[in-house]
Amino acid sequence: KGSAAEAILASVAIPPAFAPVKRER
Protein backbone atom coordinates (compact mmCIF):
# COMPACT_ATOMS: atom_id res chain seq x y z
CA LYS A 1 0.00 0.00 0.00
CA GLY A 2 1.02 3.62 -0.33
CA SER A 3 2.74 5.36 -3.24
CA ALA A 4 3.22 2.96 -6.15
CA ALA A 5 5.94 5.13 -7.70
CA GLU A 6 7.98 5.18 -4.49
CA ALA A 7 7.63 1.42 -4.10
CA ILE A 8 8.81 0.75 -7.65
CA LEU A 9 11.71 3.20 -7.39
CA ALA A 10 12.78 1.58 -4.13
CA SER A 11 12.65 -1.92 -5.60
CA VAL A 12 14.78 -0.96 -8.63
CA ALA A 13 17.34 1.08 -6.64
CA ILE A 14 20.38 -1.03 -7.48
CA PRO A 15 23.42 0.00 -5.40
CA PRO A 16 25.55 1.92 -6.32
CA ALA A 17 23.66 3.01 -9.43
CA PHE A 18 20.74 4.53 -7.50
CA ALA A 19 20.34 6.14 -4.10
CA PRO A 20 18.09 4.33 -1.60
CA VAL A 21 14.52 5.60 -1.35
CA LYS A 22 13.48 6.93 2.04
CA ARG A 23 10.03 5.72 3.01
CA GLU A 24 8.89 6.62 6.51
CA ARG A 25 11.91 5.63 8.66
PDB file of all heavy atoms in Angstrom:
ATOM      1  N   LYS A   1       0.847  -1.188   0.000  1.00  0.00           N
ATOM      2  CA  LYS A   1       0.000   0.000   0.000  1.00  0.00           C
ATOM      3  C   LYS A   1       0.884   1.240   0.000  1.00  0.00           C
ATOM      4  O   LYS A   1       2.090   1.167   0.229  1.00  0.00           O
ATOM      5  CB  LYS A   1      -0.938   0.009   1.204  1.00  0.00           C
ATOM      6  CG  LYS A   1      -0.245  -0.005   2.551  1.00  0.00           C
ATOM      7  CD  LYS A   1      -1.259  -0.048   3.679  1.00  0.00           C
ATOM      8  CE  LYS A   1      -0.554  -0.045   5.043  1.00  0.00           C
ATOM      9  NZ  LYS A   1      -1.535  -0.073   6.155  1.00  0.00           N
ATOM     10  N   GLY A   2       0.257   2.384  -0.251  1.00  0.00           N
ATOM     11  CA  GLY A   2       1.019   3.621  -0.334  1.00  0.00           C
ATOM     12  C   GLY A   2       1.460   3.898  -1.764  1.00  0.00           C
ATOM     13  O   GLY A   2       1.051   3.220  -2.709  1.00  0.00           O
ATOM     14  N   SER A   3       2.318   4.893  -1.926  1.00  0.00           N
ATOM     15  CA  SER A   3       2.744   5.357  -3.244  1.00  0.00           C
ATOM     16  C   SER A   3       3.337   4.233  -4.096  1.00  0.00           C
ATOM     17  O   SER A   3       4.340   3.617  -3.717  1.00  0.00           O
ATOM     18  CB  SER A   3       3.777   6.475  -3.086  1.00  0.00           C
ATOM     19  OG  SER A   3       4.372   6.770  -4.327  1.00  0.00           O
ATOM     20  N   ALA A   4       2.718   3.987  -5.245  1.00  0.00           N
ATOM     21  CA  ALA A   4       3.219   2.957  -6.149  1.00  0.00           C
ATOM     22  C   ALA A   4       4.564   3.370  -6.747  1.00  0.00           C
ATOM     23  O   ALA A   4       5.481   2.554  -6.874  1.00  0.00           O
ATOM     24  CB  ALA A   4       2.199   2.695  -7.250  1.00  0.00           C
ATOM     25  N   ALA A   5       4.698   4.648  -7.107  1.00  0.00           N
ATOM     26  CA  ALA A   5       5.941   5.126  -7.703  1.00  0.00           C
ATOM     27  C   ALA A   5       7.112   4.958  -6.744  1.00  0.00           C
ATOM     28  O   ALA A   5       8.185   4.500  -7.123  1.00  0.00           O
ATOM     29  CB  ALA A   5       5.795   6.586  -8.122  1.00  0.00           C
ATOM     30  N   GLU A   6       6.912   5.331  -5.480  1.00  0.00           N
ATOM     31  CA  GLU A   6       7.979   5.184  -4.488  1.00  0.00           C
ATOM     32  C   GLU A   6       8.358   3.717  -4.298  1.00  0.00           C
ATOM     33  O   GLU A   6       9.540   3.381  -4.161  1.00  0.00           O
ATOM     34  CB  GLU A   6       7.545   5.783  -3.150  1.00  0.00           C
ATOM     35  CG  GLU A   6       7.604   7.291  -3.094  1.00  0.00           C
ATOM     36  CD  GLU A   6       7.337   7.817  -1.697  1.00  0.00           C
ATOM     37  OE1 GLU A   6       7.215   6.992  -0.757  1.00  0.00           O
ATOM     38  OE2 GLU A   6       7.246   9.047  -1.535  1.00  0.00           O
ATOM     39  N   ALA A   7       7.358   2.846  -4.283  1.00  0.00           N
ATOM     40  CA  ALA A   7       7.632   1.424  -4.099  1.00  0.00           C
ATOM     41  C   ALA A   7       8.450   0.874  -5.262  1.00  0.00           C
ATOM     42  O   ALA A   7       9.423   0.132  -5.057  1.00  0.00           O
ATOM     43  CB  ALA A   7       6.317   0.661  -3.962  1.00  0.00           C
ATOM     44  N   ILE A   8       8.074   1.224  -6.484  1.00  0.00           N
ATOM     45  CA  ILE A   8       8.805   0.745  -7.653  1.00  0.00           C
ATOM     46  C   ILE A   8      10.228   1.289  -7.660  1.00  0.00           C
ATOM     47  O   ILE A   8      11.196   0.550  -7.878  1.00  0.00           O
ATOM     48  CB  ILE A   8       8.067   1.145  -8.947  1.00  0.00           C
ATOM     49  CG1 ILE A   8       6.712   0.443  -9.034  1.00  0.00           C
ATOM     50  CG2 ILE A   8       8.918   0.810 -10.180  1.00  0.00           C
ATOM     51  CD1 ILE A   8       5.804   1.000 -10.115  1.00  0.00           C
ATOM     52  N   LEU A   9      10.378   2.595  -7.399  1.00  0.00           N
ATOM     53  CA  LEU A   9      11.714   3.201  -7.393  1.00  0.00           C
ATOM     54  C   LEU A   9      12.597   2.593  -6.317  1.00  0.00           C
ATOM     55  O   LEU A   9      13.807   2.426  -6.519  1.00  0.00           O
ATOM     56  CB  LEU A   9      11.601   4.714  -7.192  1.00  0.00           C
ATOM     57  CG  LEU A   9      10.995   5.497  -8.357  1.00  0.00           C
ATOM     58  CD1 LEU A   9      10.807   6.962  -7.983  1.00  0.00           C
ATOM     59  CD2 LEU A   9      11.864   5.378  -9.603  1.00  0.00           C
ATOM     60  N   ALA A  10      12.007   2.235  -5.182  1.00  0.00           N
ATOM     61  CA  ALA A  10      12.783   1.577  -4.126  1.00  0.00           C
ATOM     62  C   ALA A  10      13.239   0.201  -4.585  1.00  0.00           C
ATOM     63  O   ALA A  10      14.402  -0.183  -4.407  1.00  0.00           O
ATOM     64  CB  ALA A  10      11.944   1.466  -2.856  1.00  0.00           C
ATOM     65  N   SER A  11      12.338  -0.548  -5.206  1.00  0.00           N
ATOM     66  CA  SER A  11      12.654  -1.917  -5.598  1.00  0.00           C
ATOM     67  C   SER A  11      13.701  -1.995  -6.697  1.00  0.00           C
ATOM     68  O   SER A  11      14.418  -2.985  -6.806  1.00  0.00           O
ATOM     69  CB  SER A  11      11.378  -2.633  -6.046  1.00  0.00           C
ATOM     70  OG  SER A  11      11.605  -4.015  -6.207  1.00  0.00           O
ATOM     71  N   VAL A  12      13.797  -0.946  -7.537  1.00  0.00           N
ATOM     72  CA  VAL A  12      14.780  -0.957  -8.627  1.00  0.00           C
ATOM     73  C   VAL A  12      16.060  -0.209  -8.271  1.00  0.00           C
ATOM     74  O   VAL A  12      16.959  -0.090  -9.112  1.00  0.00           O
ATOM     75  CB  VAL A  12      14.182  -0.344  -9.921  1.00  0.00           C
ATOM     76  CG1 VAL A  12      12.927  -1.074 -10.345  1.00  0.00           C
ATOM     77  CG2 VAL A  12      13.912   1.150  -9.768  1.00  0.00           C
ATOM     78  N   ALA A  13      16.181   0.267  -7.033  1.00  0.00           N
ATOM     79  CA  ALA A  13      17.339   1.084  -6.636  1.00  0.00           C
ATOM     80  C   ALA A  13      18.573   0.209  -6.413  1.00  0.00           C
ATOM     81  O   ALA A  13      18.947  -0.116  -5.284  1.00  0.00           O
ATOM     82  CB  ALA A  13      17.008   1.885  -5.380  1.00  0.00           C
ATOM     83  N   ILE A  14      19.217  -0.157  -7.514  1.00  0.00           N
ATOM     84  CA  ILE A  14      20.384  -1.033  -7.476  1.00  0.00           C
ATOM     85  C   ILE A  14      21.591  -0.254  -6.962  1.00  0.00           C
ATOM     86  O   ILE A  14      21.993   0.738  -7.574  1.00  0.00           O
ATOM     87  CB  ILE A  14      20.709  -1.565  -8.888  1.00  0.00           C
ATOM     88  CG1 ILE A  14      19.481  -2.208  -9.521  1.00  0.00           C
ATOM     89  CG2 ILE A  14      21.877  -2.542  -8.846  1.00  0.00           C
ATOM     90  CD1 ILE A  14      19.623  -2.419 -11.012  1.00  0.00           C
ATOM     91  N   PRO A  15      22.200  -0.675  -5.839  1.00  0.00           N
ATOM     92  CA  PRO A  15      23.422   0.000  -5.404  1.00  0.00           C
ATOM     93  C   PRO A  15      24.579  -0.399  -6.335  1.00  0.00           C
ATOM     94  O   PRO A  15      24.640  -1.550  -6.752  1.00  0.00           O
ATOM     95  CB  PRO A  15      23.650  -0.551  -3.996  1.00  0.00           C
ATOM     96  CG  PRO A  15      22.371  -1.254  -3.624  1.00  0.00           C
ATOM     97  CD  PRO A  15      21.737  -1.683  -4.897  1.00  0.00           C
ATOM     98  N   PRO A  16      25.512   0.486  -6.644  1.00  0.00           N
ATOM     99  CA  PRO A  16      25.549   1.917  -6.316  1.00  0.00           C
ATOM    100  C   PRO A  16      24.965   2.802  -7.418  1.00  0.00           C
ATOM    101  O   PRO A  16      25.213   4.005  -7.423  1.00  0.00           O
ATOM    102  CB  PRO A  16      27.042   2.163  -6.183  1.00  0.00           C
ATOM    103  CG  PRO A  16      27.637   1.288  -7.260  1.00  0.00           C
ATOM    104  CD  PRO A  16      26.760   0.055  -7.315  1.00  0.00           C
ATOM    105  N   ALA A  17      24.204   2.202  -8.338  1.00  0.00           N
ATOM    106  CA  ALA A  17      23.663   3.009  -9.433  1.00  0.00           C
ATOM    107  C   ALA A  17      22.673   4.047  -8.925  1.00  0.00           C
ATOM    108  O   ALA A  17      22.710   5.204  -9.343  1.00  0.00           O
ATOM    109  CB  ALA A  17      22.990   2.095 -10.458  1.00  0.00           C
ATOM    110  N   PHE A  18      21.770   3.639  -7.999  1.00  0.00           N
ATOM    111  CA  PHE A  18      20.736   4.532  -7.503  1.00  0.00           C
ATOM    112  C   PHE A  18      20.829   4.716  -5.996  1.00  0.00           C
ATOM    113  O   PHE A  18      21.233   3.795  -5.272  1.00  0.00           O
ATOM    114  CB  PHE A  18      19.340   3.985  -7.830  1.00  0.00           C
ATOM    115  CG  PHE A  18      19.052   3.875  -9.301  1.00  0.00           C
ATOM    116  CD1 PHE A  18      19.042   2.643  -9.928  1.00  0.00           C
ATOM    117  CD2 PHE A  18      18.783   5.005 -10.054  1.00  0.00           C
ATOM    118  CE1 PHE A  18      18.772   2.538 -11.279  1.00  0.00           C
ATOM    119  CE2 PHE A  18      18.511   4.911 -11.405  1.00  0.00           C
ATOM    120  CZ  PHE A  18      18.509   3.674 -12.021  1.00  0.00           C
ATOM    121  N   ALA A  19      20.410   5.879  -5.543  1.00  0.00           N
ATOM    122  CA  ALA A  19      20.339   6.140  -4.105  1.00  0.00           C
ATOM    123  C   ALA A  19      19.149   5.388  -3.514  1.00  0.00           C
ATOM    124  O   ALA A  19      18.141   5.182  -4.180  1.00  0.00           O
ATOM    125  CB  ALA A  19      20.163   7.635  -3.851  1.00  0.00           C
ATOM    126  N   PRO A  20      19.249   4.946  -2.254  1.00  0.00           N
ATOM    127  CA  PRO A  20      18.094   4.332  -1.598  1.00  0.00           C
ATOM    128  C   PRO A  20      16.929   5.315  -1.525  1.00  0.00           C
ATOM    129  O   PRO A  20      17.124   6.537  -1.542  1.00  0.00           O
ATOM    130  CB  PRO A  20      18.620   3.996  -0.199  1.00  0.00           C
ATOM    131  CG  PRO A  20      20.100   4.004  -0.307  1.00  0.00           C
ATOM    132  CD  PRO A  20      20.431   4.994  -1.380  1.00  0.00           C
ATOM    133  N   VAL A  21      15.733   4.787  -1.466  1.00  0.00           N
ATOM    134  CA  VAL A  21      14.521   5.600  -1.349  1.00  0.00           C
ATOM    135  C   VAL A  21      14.089   5.623   0.109  1.00  0.00           C
ATOM    136  O   VAL A  21      13.920   4.573   0.728  1.00  0.00           O
ATOM    137  CB  VAL A  21      13.386   5.027  -2.225  1.00  0.00           C
ATOM    138  CG1 VAL A  21      12.081   5.780  -1.980  1.00  0.00           C
ATOM    139  CG2 VAL A  21      13.782   5.090  -3.698  1.00  0.00           C
ATOM    140  N   LYS A  22      13.923   6.820   0.660  1.00  0.00           N
ATOM    141  CA  LYS A  22      13.483   6.926   2.044  1.00  0.00           C
ATOM    142  C   LYS A  22      11.967   6.837   2.100  1.00  0.00           C
ATOM    143  O   LYS A  22      11.262   7.600   1.442  1.00  0.00           O
ATOM    144  CB  LYS A  22      13.959   8.240   2.676  1.00  0.00           C
ATOM    145  CG  LYS A  22      13.675   8.304   4.179  1.00  0.00           C
ATOM    146  CD  LYS A  22      14.243   9.560   4.809  1.00  0.00           C
ATOM    147  CE  LYS A  22      13.979   9.573   6.320  1.00  0.00           C
ATOM    148  NZ  LYS A  22      14.498  10.808   6.951  1.00  0.00           N
ATOM    149  N   ARG A  23      11.473   5.905   2.857  1.00  0.00           N
ATOM    150  CA  ARG A  23      10.028   5.717   3.011  1.00  0.00           C
ATOM    151  C   ARG A  23       9.758   5.553   4.493  1.00  0.00           C
ATOM    152  O   ARG A  23      10.168   4.580   5.101  1.00  0.00           O
ATOM    153  CB  ARG A  23       9.564   4.495   2.233  1.00  0.00           C
ATOM    154  CG  ARG A  23       8.049   4.288   2.276  1.00  0.00           C
ATOM    155  CD  ARG A  23       7.617   3.407   1.143  1.00  0.00           C
ATOM    156  NE  ARG A  23       6.233   2.990   1.263  1.00  0.00           N
ATOM    157  CZ  ARG A  23       5.404   2.842   0.259  1.00  0.00           C
ATOM    158  NH1 ARG A  23       5.808   3.105  -0.963  1.00  0.00           N
ATOM    159  NH2 ARG A  23       4.172   2.425   0.440  1.00  0.00           N
ATOM    160  N   GLU A  24       9.076   6.534   5.062  1.00  0.00           N
ATOM    161  CA  GLU A  24       8.892   6.625   6.514  1.00  0.00           C
ATOM    162  C   GLU A  24      10.275   6.620   7.165  1.00  0.00           C
ATOM    163  O   GLU A  24      11.086   7.475   6.876  1.00  0.00           O
ATOM    164  CB  GLU A  24       7.980   5.497   7.003  1.00  0.00           C
ATOM    165  CG  GLU A  24       6.568   5.578   6.412  1.00  0.00           C
ATOM    166  CD  GLU A  24       5.681   4.439   6.825  1.00  0.00           C
ATOM    167  OE1 GLU A  24       6.152   3.476   7.467  1.00  0.00           O
ATOM    168  OE2 GLU A  24       4.470   4.501   6.488  1.00  0.00           O
ATOM    169  N   ARG A  25      10.595   5.641   7.999  1.00  0.00           N
ATOM    170  CA  ARG A  25      11.906   5.631   8.658  1.00  0.00           C
ATOM    171  C   ARG A  25      12.884   4.657   8.018  1.00  0.00           C
ATOM    172  O   ARG A  25      13.970   4.413   8.541  1.00  0.00           O
ATOM    173  CB  ARG A  25      11.736   5.272  10.139  1.00  0.00           C
ATOM    174  CG  ARG A  25      10.926   6.299  10.927  1.00  0.00           C
ATOM    175  CD  ARG A  25      10.883   5.949  12.389  1.00  0.00           C
ATOM    176  NE  ARG A  25      10.142   6.948  13.167  1.00  0.00           N
ATOM    177  CZ  ARG A  25       9.978   6.894  14.484  1.00  0.00           C
ATOM    178  NH1 ARG A  25      10.500   5.878  15.168  1.00  0.00           N
ATOM    179  NH2 ARG A  25       9.293   7.842  15.104  1.00  0.00           N
TER     180      ARG A  25
END
